[in-house]
Amino acid sequence: MSGFRARLVFDPARGEYRDGDIRYMMIRPDALMGMIAELPEHMRVHAMDAFARSIRRFGGRSARAYRDAGAAEASALLHVIEETAPQLGWGRWRIAADADGFVVTVENSPFAAGAGPSTHAVCAPILGMLAAVGEMTHAAVSVAETACAAMGAPSCRFEVRRQKGSAATPTG
């Protein structure tokens, strides 16, 4: 499977970037996270939850495309995700897998950088993507952001754990 940037095609006549059937666009992280900051305080958590669910659904389609293009084994899929994240501008990801799931450390999260200092974790899009990937590699999972650079941590950290009683999927 070739790298994301090698597959990315820009069509100037249409004003769009594509990786096969998947369309991408560029947006400033501060503009994206600033939209959430513009909401009333009581609505921000709902917006972040919706953001995570949306990325889980639509980012999951990208992960399935990566899997179908040659990353069928769980370890191969996690490697492709780790390699693709920085090419998308989502920071540098390090994934450490074990029998019950995996831990992801993200250096330079665009979401934390775009949000600026915060009293709560802000990397909902990464949470959503990891939920989609976790379900592909370990069936039912729980995902938690256990550290966030926006809260002063040196990097963002996520734990993806198989839920008790769930079996691995065919890719796991």
C-alpha atoms as a PDB file:
ATOM      1  CA  MET A   1       0.000   0.000   0.000  1.00  0.00           C
ATOM      2  CA  SER A   2       1.471   3.366  -1.003  1.00  0.00           C
ATOM      3  CA  GLY A   3       1.579   6.264   1.430  1.00  0.00           C
ATOM      4  CA  PHE A   4      -1.314   8.683   1.727  1.00  0.00           C
ATOM      5  CA  ARG A   5       0.534  11.639   0.193  1.00  0.00           C
ATOM      6  CA  ALA A   6       1.544   9.525  -2.805  1.00  0.00           C
ATOM      7  CA  ARG A   7      -2.119   8.625  -3.379  1.00  0.00           C
ATOM      8  CA  LEU A   8      -3.454  12.156  -2.841  1.00  0.00           C
ATOM      9  CA  VAL A   9      -4.492  13.851  -6.087  1.00  0.00           C
ATOM     10  CA  PHE A  10      -5.248  17.557  -6.468  1.00  0.00           C
ATOM     11  CA  ASP A  11      -7.711  18.494  -9.198  1.00  0.00           C
ATOM     12  CA  PRO A  12      -7.325  22.255  -9.761  1.00  0.00           C
ATOM     13  CA  ALA A  13     -10.300  22.388 -12.148  1.00  0.00           C
ATOM     14  CA  ARG A  14     -12.595  21.059  -9.421  1.00  0.00           C
ATOM     15  CA  GLY A  15     -10.732  22.614  -6.496  1.00  0.00           C
ATOM     16  CA  GLU A  16     -10.457  19.346  -4.602  1.00  0.00           C
ATOM     17  CA  TYR A  17      -8.059  16.803  -3.127  1.00  0.00           C
ATOM     18  CA  ARG A  18      -8.877  13.082  -3.399  1.00  0.00           C
ATOM     19  CA  ASP A  19      -7.498   9.773  -2.225  1.00  0.00           C
ATOM     20  CA  GLY A  20      -9.500   7.540  -4.547  1.00  0.00           C
ATOM     21  CA  ASP A  21     -13.169   8.107  -3.728  1.00  0.00           C
ATOM     22  CA  ILE A  22     -12.413   9.971  -0.489  1.00  0.00           C
ATOM     23  CA  ARG A  23     -12.341  13.775  -0.650  1.00  0.00           C
ATOM     24  CA  TYR A  24     -10.088  15.787   1.663  1.00  0.00           C
ATOM     25  CA  MET A  25      -9.640  19.478   2.368  1.00  0.00           C
ATOM     26  CA  MET A  26      -7.242  21.658   4.292  1.00  0.00           C
ATOM     27  CA  ILE A  27      -8.417  23.763   7.204  1.00  0.00           C
ATOM     28  CA  ARG A  28      -6.593  25.663   9.915  1.00  0.00           C
ATOM     29  CA  PRO A  29      -6.749  23.846  13.282  1.00  0.00           C
ATOM     30  CA  ASP A  30      -7.320  27.125  15.135  1.00  0.00           C
ATOM     31  CA  ALA A  31     -10.302  27.908  12.883  1.00  0.00           C
ATOM     32  CA  LEU A  32     -11.773  24.433  13.424  1.00  0.00           C
ATOM     33  CA  MET A  33     -11.259  24.404  17.179  1.00  0.00           C
ATOM     34  CA  GLY A  34     -12.196  28.079  17.366  1.00  0.00           C
ATOM     35  CA  MET A  35     -15.655  27.163  16.082  1.00  0.00           C
ATOM     36  CA  ILE A  36     -16.133  24.995  19.151  1.00  0.00           C
ATOM     37  CA  ALA A  37     -14.788  27.746  21.420  1.00  0.00           C
ATOM     38  CA  GLU A  38     -17.429  30.089  19.934  1.00  0.00           C
ATOM     39  CA  LEU A  39     -20.225  27.891  21.291  1.00  0.00           C
ATOM     40  CA  PRO A  40     -21.736  28.512  24.716  1.00  0.00           C
ATOM     41  CA  GLU A  41     -19.797  26.598  27.381  1.00  0.00           C
ATOM     42  CA  HIS A  42     -22.612  24.117  28.053  1.00  0.00           C
ATOM     43  CA  MET A  43     -22.742  23.131  24.350  1.00  0.00           C
ATOM     44  CA  ARG A  44     -19.013  22.499  23.824  1.00  0.00           C
ATOM     45  CA  VAL A  45     -18.979  19.010  25.325  1.00  0.00           C
ATOM     46  CA  HIS A  46     -21.886  18.042  23.058  1.00  0.00           C
ATOM     47  CA  ALA A  47     -20.088  19.466  20.029  1.00  0.00           C
ATOM     48  CA  MET A  48     -16.916  17.532  20.894  1.00  0.00           C
ATOM     49  CA  ASP A  49     -18.921  14.323  21.360  1.00  0.00           C
ATOM     50  CA  ALA A  50     -20.598  14.869  17.980  1.00  0.00           C
ATOM     51  CA  PHE A  51     -17.201  15.594  16.414  1.00  0.00           C
ATOM     52  CA  ALA A  52     -15.831  12.275  17.770  1.00  0.00           C
ATOM     53  CA  ARG A  53     -18.881  10.351  16.511  1.00  0.00           C
ATOM     54  CA  SER A  54     -18.606  11.930  13.069  1.00  0.00           C
ATOM     55  CA  ILE A  55     -14.904  11.098  12.754  1.00  0.00           C
ATOM     56  CA  ARG A  56     -15.638   7.586  14.016  1.00  0.00           C
ATOM     57  CA  ARG A  57     -18.134   7.137  11.196  1.00  0.00           C
ATOM     58  CA  PHE A  58     -16.381   8.940   8.334  1.00  0.00           C
ATOM     59  CA  GLY A  59     -12.781   8.366   9.436  1.00  0.00           C
ATOM     60  CA  GLY A  60     -13.768   4.750   9.889  1.00  0.00           C
ATOM     61  CA  ARG A  61     -14.550   4.661   6.173  1.00  0.00           C
ATOM     62  CA  SER A  62     -10.980   5.782   5.488  1.00  0.00           C
ATOM     63  CA  ALA A  63      -9.606   3.122   7.836  1.00  0.00           C
ATOM     64  CA  ARG A  64     -11.708   0.475   6.079  1.00  0.00           C
ATOM     65  CA  ALA A  65     -10.303   1.673   2.731  1.00  0.00           C
ATOM     66  CA  TYR A  66      -6.761   1.306   4.133  1.00  0.00           C
ATOM     67  CA  ARG A  67      -7.633  -2.184   5.385  1.00  0.00           C
ATOM     68  CA  ASP A  68      -9.161  -3.183   2.056  1.00  0.00           C
ATOM     69  CA  ALA A  69      -6.117  -1.846   0.165  1.00  0.00           C
ATOM     70  CA  GLY A  70      -3.787  -4.283   1.853  1.00  0.00           C
ATOM     71  CA  ALA A  71      -3.744  -3.698   5.621  1.00  0.00           C
ATOM     72  CA  ALA A  72      -6.073  -6.533   6.616  1.00  0.00           C
ATOM     73  CA  GLU A  73      -4.109  -7.724   9.674  1.00  0.00           C
ATOM     74  CA  ALA A  74      -4.534  -5.651  12.843  1.00  0.00           C
ATOM     75  CA  SER A  75      -0.804  -4.905  13.090  1.00  0.00           C
ATOM     76  CA  ALA A  76      -0.694  -3.807   9.444  1.00  0.00           C
ATOM     77  CA  LEU A  77      -3.718  -1.534   9.895  1.00  0.00           C
ATOM     78  CA  LEU A  78      -2.238   0.064  13.022  1.00  0.00           C
ATOM     79  CA  HIS A  79       1.008   0.646  11.113  1.00  0.00           C
ATOM     80  CA  VAL A  80      -0.864   2.332   8.235  1.00  0.00           C
ATOM     81  CA  ILE A  81      -2.793   4.521  10.699  1.00  0.00           C
ATOM     82  CA  GLU A  82       0.466   5.472  12.464  1.00  0.00           C
ATOM     83  CA  GLU A  83       2.082   6.324   9.106  1.00  0.00           C
ATOM     84  CA  THR A  84      -0.932   8.193   7.690  1.00  0.00           C
ATOM     85  CA  ALA A  85      -1.765  10.437  10.672  1.00  0.00           C
ATOM     86  CA  PRO A  86       1.239  12.765  10.229  1.00  0.00           C
ATOM     87  CA  GLN A  87       0.664  12.892   6.463  1.00  0.00           C
ATOM     88  CA  LEU A  88      -2.799  14.245   7.233  1.00  0.00           C
ATOM     89  CA  GLY A  89      -1.358  16.833   9.605  1.00  0.00           C
ATOM     90  CA  TRP A  90      -2.728  15.026  12.686  1.00  0.00           C
ATOM     91  CA  GLY A  91       0.601  15.078  14.547  1.00  0.00           C
ATOM     92  CA  ARG A  92       3.088  12.263  15.081  1.00  0.00           C
ATOM     93  CA  TRP A  93       1.410   9.087  16.369  1.00  0.00           C
ATOM     94  CA  ARG A  94       3.127   6.245  18.206  1.00  0.00           C
ATOM     95  CA  ILE A  95       1.024   3.119  18.666  1.00  0.00           C
ATOM     96  CA  ALA A  96       1.933   0.410  21.172  1.00  0.00           C
ATOM     97  CA  ALA A  97      -0.321  -2.646  20.867  1.00  0.00           C
ATOM     98  CA  ASP A  98      -0.942  -5.409  23.388  1.00  0.00           C
ATOM     99  CA  ALA A  99      -3.459  -8.243  23.745  1.00  0.00           C
ATOM    100  CA  ASP A 100      -6.189  -5.984  25.172  1.00  0.00           C
ATOM    101  CA  GLY A 101      -5.876  -3.078  22.734  1.00  0.00           C
ATOM    102  CA  PHE A 102      -3.364  -0.323  22.186  1.00  0.00           C
ATOM    103  CA  VAL A 103      -2.030   2.950  23.544  1.00  0.00           C
ATOM    104  CA  VAL A 104      -1.470   5.916  21.253  1.00  0.00           C
ATOM    105  CA  THR A 105       0.805   8.833  22.034  1.00  0.00           C
ATOM    106  CA  VAL A 106       0.314  11.884  19.824  1.00  0.00           C
ATOM    107  CA  GLU A 107       3.002  14.529  19.616  1.00  0.00           C
ATOM    108  CA  ASN A 108       1.926  17.880  18.172  1.00  0.00           C
ATOM    109  CA  SER A 109      -1.833  17.272  18.018  1.00  0.00           C
ATOM    110  CA  PRO A 110      -3.361  19.920  15.738  1.00  0.00           C
ATOM    111  CA  PHE A 111      -6.503  19.849  17.867  1.00  0.00           C
ATOM    112  CA  ALA A 112      -4.653  20.645  21.090  1.00  0.00           C
ATOM    113  CA  ALA A 113      -2.595  23.303  19.298  1.00  0.00           C
ATOM    114  CA  GLY A 114      -5.695  24.777  17.664  1.00  0.00           C
ATOM    115  CA  ALA A 115      -7.668  24.856  20.910  1.00  0.00           C
ATOM    116  CA  GLY A 116      -4.902  26.412  22.988  1.00  0.00           C
ATOM    117  CA  PRO A 117      -4.809  26.045  26.775  1.00  0.00           C
ATOM    118  CA  SER A 118      -7.829  24.182  28.107  1.00  0.00           C
ATOM    119  CA  THR A 119      -9.205  22.738  31.329  1.00  0.00           C
ATOM    120  CA  HIS A 120     -10.429  19.639  29.470  1.00  0.00           C
ATOM    121  CA  ALA A 121      -9.192  17.239  26.787  1.00  0.00           C
ATOM    122  CA  VAL A 122      -9.877  18.524  23.266  1.00  0.00           C
ATOM    123  CA  CYS A 123      -8.728  15.805  20.859  1.00  0.00           C
ATOM    124  CA  ALA A 124     -12.199  14.408  20.117  1.00  0.00           C
ATOM    125  CA  PRO A 125     -11.390  13.750  16.437  1.00  0.00           C
ATOM    126  CA  ILE A 126      -8.493  11.475  17.418  1.00  0.00           C
ATOM    127  CA  LEU A 127     -10.778   9.722  19.920  1.00  0.00           C
ATOM    128  CA  GLY A 128     -13.292   9.111  17.134  1.00  0.00           C
ATOM    129  CA  MET A 129     -10.690   7.750  14.744  1.00  0.00           C
ATOM    130  CA  LEU A 130      -9.252   5.460  17.399  1.00  0.00           C
ATOM    131  CA  ALA A 131     -12.746   4.162  18.219  1.00  0.00           C
ATOM    132  CA  ALA A 132     -13.238   3.225  14.558  1.00  0.00           C
ATOM    133  CA  VAL A 133      -9.828   1.555  14.293  1.00  0.00           C
ATOM    134  CA  GLY A 134     -10.234  -0.167  17.658  1.00  0.00           C
ATOM    135  CA  GLU A 135     -13.531  -1.696  16.568  1.00  0.00           C
ATOM    136  CA  MET A 136     -11.835  -2.999  13.419  1.00  0.00           C
ATOM    137  CA  THR A 137      -8.958  -4.598  15.334  1.00  0.00           C
ATOM    138  CA  HIS A 138     -10.498  -5.586  18.696  1.00  0.00           C
ATOM    139  CA  ALA A 139     -14.325  -5.605  18.274  1.00  0.00           C
ATOM    140  CA  ALA A 140     -16.050  -3.579  21.023  1.00  0.00           C
ATOM    141  CA  VAL A 141     -13.657  -1.099  22.621  1.00  0.00           C
ATOM    142  CA  SER A 142     -13.553   1.767  25.065  1.00  0.00           C
ATOM    143  CA  VAL A 143     -11.413   4.765  24.153  1.00  0.00           C
ATOM    144  CA  ALA A 144     -10.162   7.416  26.561  1.00  0.00           C
ATOM    145  CA  GLU A 145      -7.913  10.432  26.213  1.00  0.00           C
ATOM    146  CA  THR A 146      -5.786  10.100  29.341  1.00  0.00           C
ATOM    147  CA  ALA A 147      -3.539  13.126  28.735  1.00  0.00           C
ATOM    148  CA  CYS A 148      -3.933  16.212  26.553  1.00  0.00           C
ATOM    149  CA  ALA A 149      -1.329  18.767  25.512  1.00  0.00           C
ATOM    150  CA  ALA A 150      -4.009  21.478  25.704  1.00  0.00           C
ATOM    151  CA  MET A 151      -4.160  20.726  29.442  1.00  0.00           C
ATOM    152  CA  GLY A 152      -0.376  21.046  29.825  1.00  0.00           C
ATOM    153  CA  ALA A 153       0.713  17.445  29.200  1.00  0.00           C
ATOM    154  CA  PRO A 154       3.838  17.001  27.074  1.00  0.00           C
ATOM    155  CA  SER A 155       1.779  14.999  24.549  1.00  0.00           C
ATOM    156  CA  CYS A 156      -1.698  13.597  24.112  1.00  0.00           C
ATOM    157  CA  ARG A 157      -2.249   9.980  25.142  1.00  0.00           C
ATOM    158  CA  PHE A 158      -5.115   7.643  24.346  1.00  0.00           C
ATOM    159  CA  GLU A 159      -5.996   4.163  25.563  1.00  0.00           C
ATOM    160  CA  VAL A 160      -8.032   1.841  23.355  1.00  0.00           C
ATOM    161  CA  ARG A 161      -9.113  -1.234  25.321  1.00  0.00           C
ATOM    162  CA  ARG A 162     -11.179  -4.249  24.342  1.00  0.00           C
ATOM    163  CA  GLN A 163     -14.386  -4.304  26.351  1.00  0.00           C
ATOM    164  CA  LYS A 164     -14.790  -7.299  28.616  1.00  0.00           C
ATOM    165  CA  GLY A 165     -16.408 -10.220  26.849  1.00  0.00           C
ATOM    166  CA  SER A 166     -15.756  -9.003  23.284  1.00  0.00           C
ATOM    167  CA  ALA A 167     -13.860 -11.180  20.864  1.00  0.00           C
ATOM    168  CA  ALA A 168     -11.317 -10.019  18.339  1.00  0.00           C
ATOM    169  CA  THR A 169     -12.582  -9.290  14.838  1.00  0.00           C
ATOM    170  CA  PRO A 170     -11.255 -11.167  11.802  1.00  0.00           C
ATOM    171  CA  THR A 171      -8.620  -8.411  11.350  1.00  0.00           C
ATOM    172  CA  GLY A 172      -7.419  -8.921  14.942  1.00  0.00           C
END
